[in-house]
């Protein structure tokens, strides 16, 4: 079940997380499995993140950041957070 839900990604995965909290609407067997999604979300690859950010910023990552950690600090259904240093030397969290 988890592997199938993991493939949904984004909004669909968030919906499954919400359903996992609805023990008053769904049988316990369903909410137990859906609840596992909260703890097992894989991070998107650095390559994917880099591509998305460069499209959003309309420039190379190096134009905005002196350093950008490839490993995320946290990953969730719709976003993940990376630590970085801007070209001005400020420590920032990039979501």
C-alpha atoms as a PDB file:
ATOM      1  CA  UNK A   1       0.000   0.000   0.000  1.00  0.00           C
ATOM      2  CA  UNK A   2       2.744   2.444   0.987  1.00  0.00           C
ATOM      3  CA  UNK A   3       4.691   1.991  -2.248  1.00  0.00           C
ATOM      4  CA  UNK A   4       1.565   2.704  -4.294  1.00  0.00           C
ATOM      5  CA  UNK A   5       0.737   5.828  -2.258  1.00  0.00           C
ATOM      6  CA  UNK A   6       4.325   7.075  -2.460  1.00  0.00           C
ATOM      7  CA  UNK A   7       4.058   7.152  -6.259  1.00  0.00           C
ATOM      8  CA  UNK A   8       1.115   9.572  -6.056  1.00  0.00           C
ATOM      9  CA  UNK A   9       3.306  12.387  -4.752  1.00  0.00           C
ATOM     10  CA  UNK A  10       2.312  16.003  -4.035  1.00  0.00           C
ATOM     11  CA  UNK A  11      -1.332  16.784  -3.379  1.00  0.00           C
ATOM     12  CA  UNK A  12      -2.485  13.159  -3.615  1.00  0.00           C
ATOM     13  CA  UNK A  13       0.027  12.091  -0.990  1.00  0.00           C
ATOM     14  CA  UNK A  14      -1.032  14.984   1.264  1.00  0.00           C
ATOM     15  CA  UNK A  15      -4.650  13.855   0.892  1.00  0.00           C
ATOM     16  CA  UNK A  16      -3.656  10.338   1.966  1.00  0.00           C
ATOM     17  CA  UNK A  17      -1.921  11.799   5.030  1.00  0.00           C
ATOM     18  CA  UNK A  18      -5.086  13.667   5.976  1.00  0.00           C
ATOM     19  CA  UNK A  19      -7.169  10.534   5.511  1.00  0.00           C
ATOM     20  CA  UNK A  20      -4.731   8.734   7.803  1.00  0.00           C
ATOM     21  CA  UNK A  21      -5.873  10.975  10.654  1.00  0.00           C
ATOM     22  CA  UNK A  22      -9.570  10.231  10.103  1.00  0.00           C
ATOM     23  CA  UNK A  23     -10.073   7.219  12.365  1.00  0.00           C
ATOM     24  CA  UNK A  24     -13.660   8.335  12.837  1.00  0.00           C
ATOM     25  CA  UNK A  25     -14.339   7.832   9.090  1.00  0.00           C
ATOM     26  CA  UNK A  26     -12.073   4.972   8.014  1.00  0.00           C
ATOM     27  CA  UNK A  27     -11.362   1.510   9.425  1.00  0.00           C
ATOM     28  CA  UNK A  28      -8.319   1.281  11.697  1.00  0.00           C
ATOM     29  CA  UNK A  29      -6.444  -0.893   9.185  1.00  0.00           C
ATOM     30  CA  UNK A  30      -6.579   1.940   6.629  1.00  0.00           C
ATOM     31  CA  UNK A  31      -5.612   4.719   9.015  1.00  0.00           C
ATOM     32  CA  UNK A  32      -2.715   2.626  10.352  1.00  0.00           C
ATOM     33  CA  UNK A  33      -1.264   2.208   6.860  1.00  0.00           C
ATOM     34  CA  UNK A  34      -1.992   5.768   5.775  1.00  0.00           C
ATOM     35  CA  UNK A  35      -0.419   7.061   8.992  1.00  0.00           C
ATOM     36  CA  UNK A  36       2.926   5.505   8.014  1.00  0.00           C
ATOM     37  CA  UNK A  37       3.208   8.062   5.226  1.00  0.00           C
ATOM     38  CA  UNK A  38       4.055  10.763   7.785  1.00  0.00           C
ATOM     39  CA  UNK A  39       7.357   9.107   8.678  1.00  0.00           C
ATOM     40  CA  UNK A  40       8.573   7.604   5.419  1.00  0.00           C
ATOM     41  CA  UNK A  41       8.652  10.333   2.811  1.00  0.00           C
ATOM     42  CA  UNK A  42      11.717  10.225   0.574  1.00  0.00           C
ATOM     43  CA  UNK A  43      13.441  13.449  -0.386  1.00  0.00           C
ATOM     44  CA  UNK A  44      13.416  14.596  -3.999  1.00  0.00           C
ATOM     45  CA  UNK A  45      16.793  14.309  -5.683  1.00  0.00           C
ATOM     46  CA  UNK A  46      19.161  17.268  -5.639  1.00  0.00           C
ATOM     47  CA  UNK A  47      19.010  17.255  -9.438  1.00  0.00           C
ATOM     48  CA  UNK A  48      15.222  17.759  -9.347  1.00  0.00           C
ATOM     49  CA  UNK A  49      15.468  20.480  -6.695  1.00  0.00           C
ATOM     50  CA  UNK A  50      18.222  22.304  -8.580  1.00  0.00           C
ATOM     51  CA  UNK A  51      16.162  22.231 -11.775  1.00  0.00           C
ATOM     52  CA  UNK A  52      13.026  23.593 -10.060  1.00  0.00           C
ATOM     53  CA  UNK A  53      14.922  26.384  -8.297  1.00  0.00           C
ATOM     54  CA  UNK A  54      16.749  27.464 -11.451  1.00  0.00           C
ATOM     55  CA  UNK A  55      13.450  27.667 -13.314  1.00  0.00           C
ATOM     56  CA  UNK A  56      11.891  29.689 -10.479  1.00  0.00           C
ATOM     57  CA  UNK A  57      14.881  32.021 -10.060  1.00  0.00           C
ATOM     58  CA  UNK A  58      15.515  32.186 -13.830  1.00  0.00           C
ATOM     59  CA  UNK A  59      19.258  31.844 -13.223  1.00  0.00           C
ATOM     60  CA  UNK A  60      21.890  29.354 -12.126  1.00  0.00           C
ATOM     61  CA  UNK A  61      21.917  28.407  -8.441  1.00  0.00           C
ATOM     62  CA  UNK A  62      25.473  29.741  -8.167  1.00  0.00           C
ATOM     63  CA  UNK A  63      24.149  33.217  -9.063  1.00  0.00           C
ATOM     64  CA  UNK A  64      22.074  33.209  -5.838  1.00  0.00           C
ATOM     65  CA  UNK A  65      24.034  30.983  -3.453  1.00  0.00           C
ATOM     66  CA  UNK A  66      27.685  30.643  -2.422  1.00  0.00           C
ATOM     67  CA  UNK A  67      26.845  27.218  -1.030  1.00  0.00           C
ATOM     68  CA  UNK A  68      23.739  25.045  -1.272  1.00  0.00           C
ATOM     69  CA  UNK A  69      23.544  21.798   0.738  1.00  0.00           C
ATOM     70  CA  UNK A  70      22.513  18.957  -1.560  1.00  0.00           C
ATOM     71  CA  UNK A  71      21.016  16.957   1.324  1.00  0.00           C
ATOM     72  CA  UNK A  72      17.766  18.375   2.689  1.00  0.00           C
ATOM     73  CA  UNK A  73      17.282  19.287   6.332  1.00  0.00           C
ATOM     74  CA  UNK A  74      13.688  18.039   6.061  1.00  0.00           C
ATOM     75  CA  UNK A  75      11.379  16.545   3.433  1.00  0.00           C
ATOM     76  CA  UNK A  76       7.588  16.566   3.365  1.00  0.00           C
ATOM     77  CA  UNK A  77       4.809  15.778   0.909  1.00  0.00           C
ATOM     78  CA  UNK A  78       4.938  19.025  -1.047  1.00  0.00           C
ATOM     79  CA  UNK A  79       8.289  20.602  -0.181  1.00  0.00           C
ATOM     80  CA  UNK A  80      11.676  20.047   1.353  1.00  0.00           C
ATOM     81  CA  UNK A  81      14.152  22.369   3.049  1.00  0.00           C
ATOM     82  CA  UNK A  82      17.826  22.866   2.231  1.00  0.00           C
ATOM     83  CA  UNK A  83      20.412  24.951   4.064  1.00  0.00           C
ATOM     84  CA  UNK A  84      22.311  27.462   1.933  1.00  0.00           C
ATOM     85  CA  UNK A  85      24.440  30.607   2.042  1.00  0.00           C
ATOM     86  CA  UNK A  86      23.426  33.496  -0.189  1.00  0.00           C
ATOM     87  CA  UNK A  87      25.955  35.389  -2.285  1.00  0.00           C
ATOM     88  CA  UNK A  88      25.831  38.000   0.522  1.00  0.00           C
ATOM     89  CA  UNK A  89      26.947  35.334   3.009  1.00  0.00           C
ATOM     90  CA  UNK A  90      23.629  35.002   4.829  1.00  0.00           C
ATOM     91  CA  UNK A  91      22.691  31.572   6.172  1.00  0.00           C
ATOM     92  CA  UNK A  92      19.210  30.687   4.865  1.00  0.00           C
ATOM     93  CA  UNK A  93      16.736  27.824   4.677  1.00  0.00           C
ATOM     94  CA  UNK A  94      15.478  27.274   1.127  1.00  0.00           C
ATOM     95  CA  UNK A  95      12.067  25.630   0.789  1.00  0.00           C
END
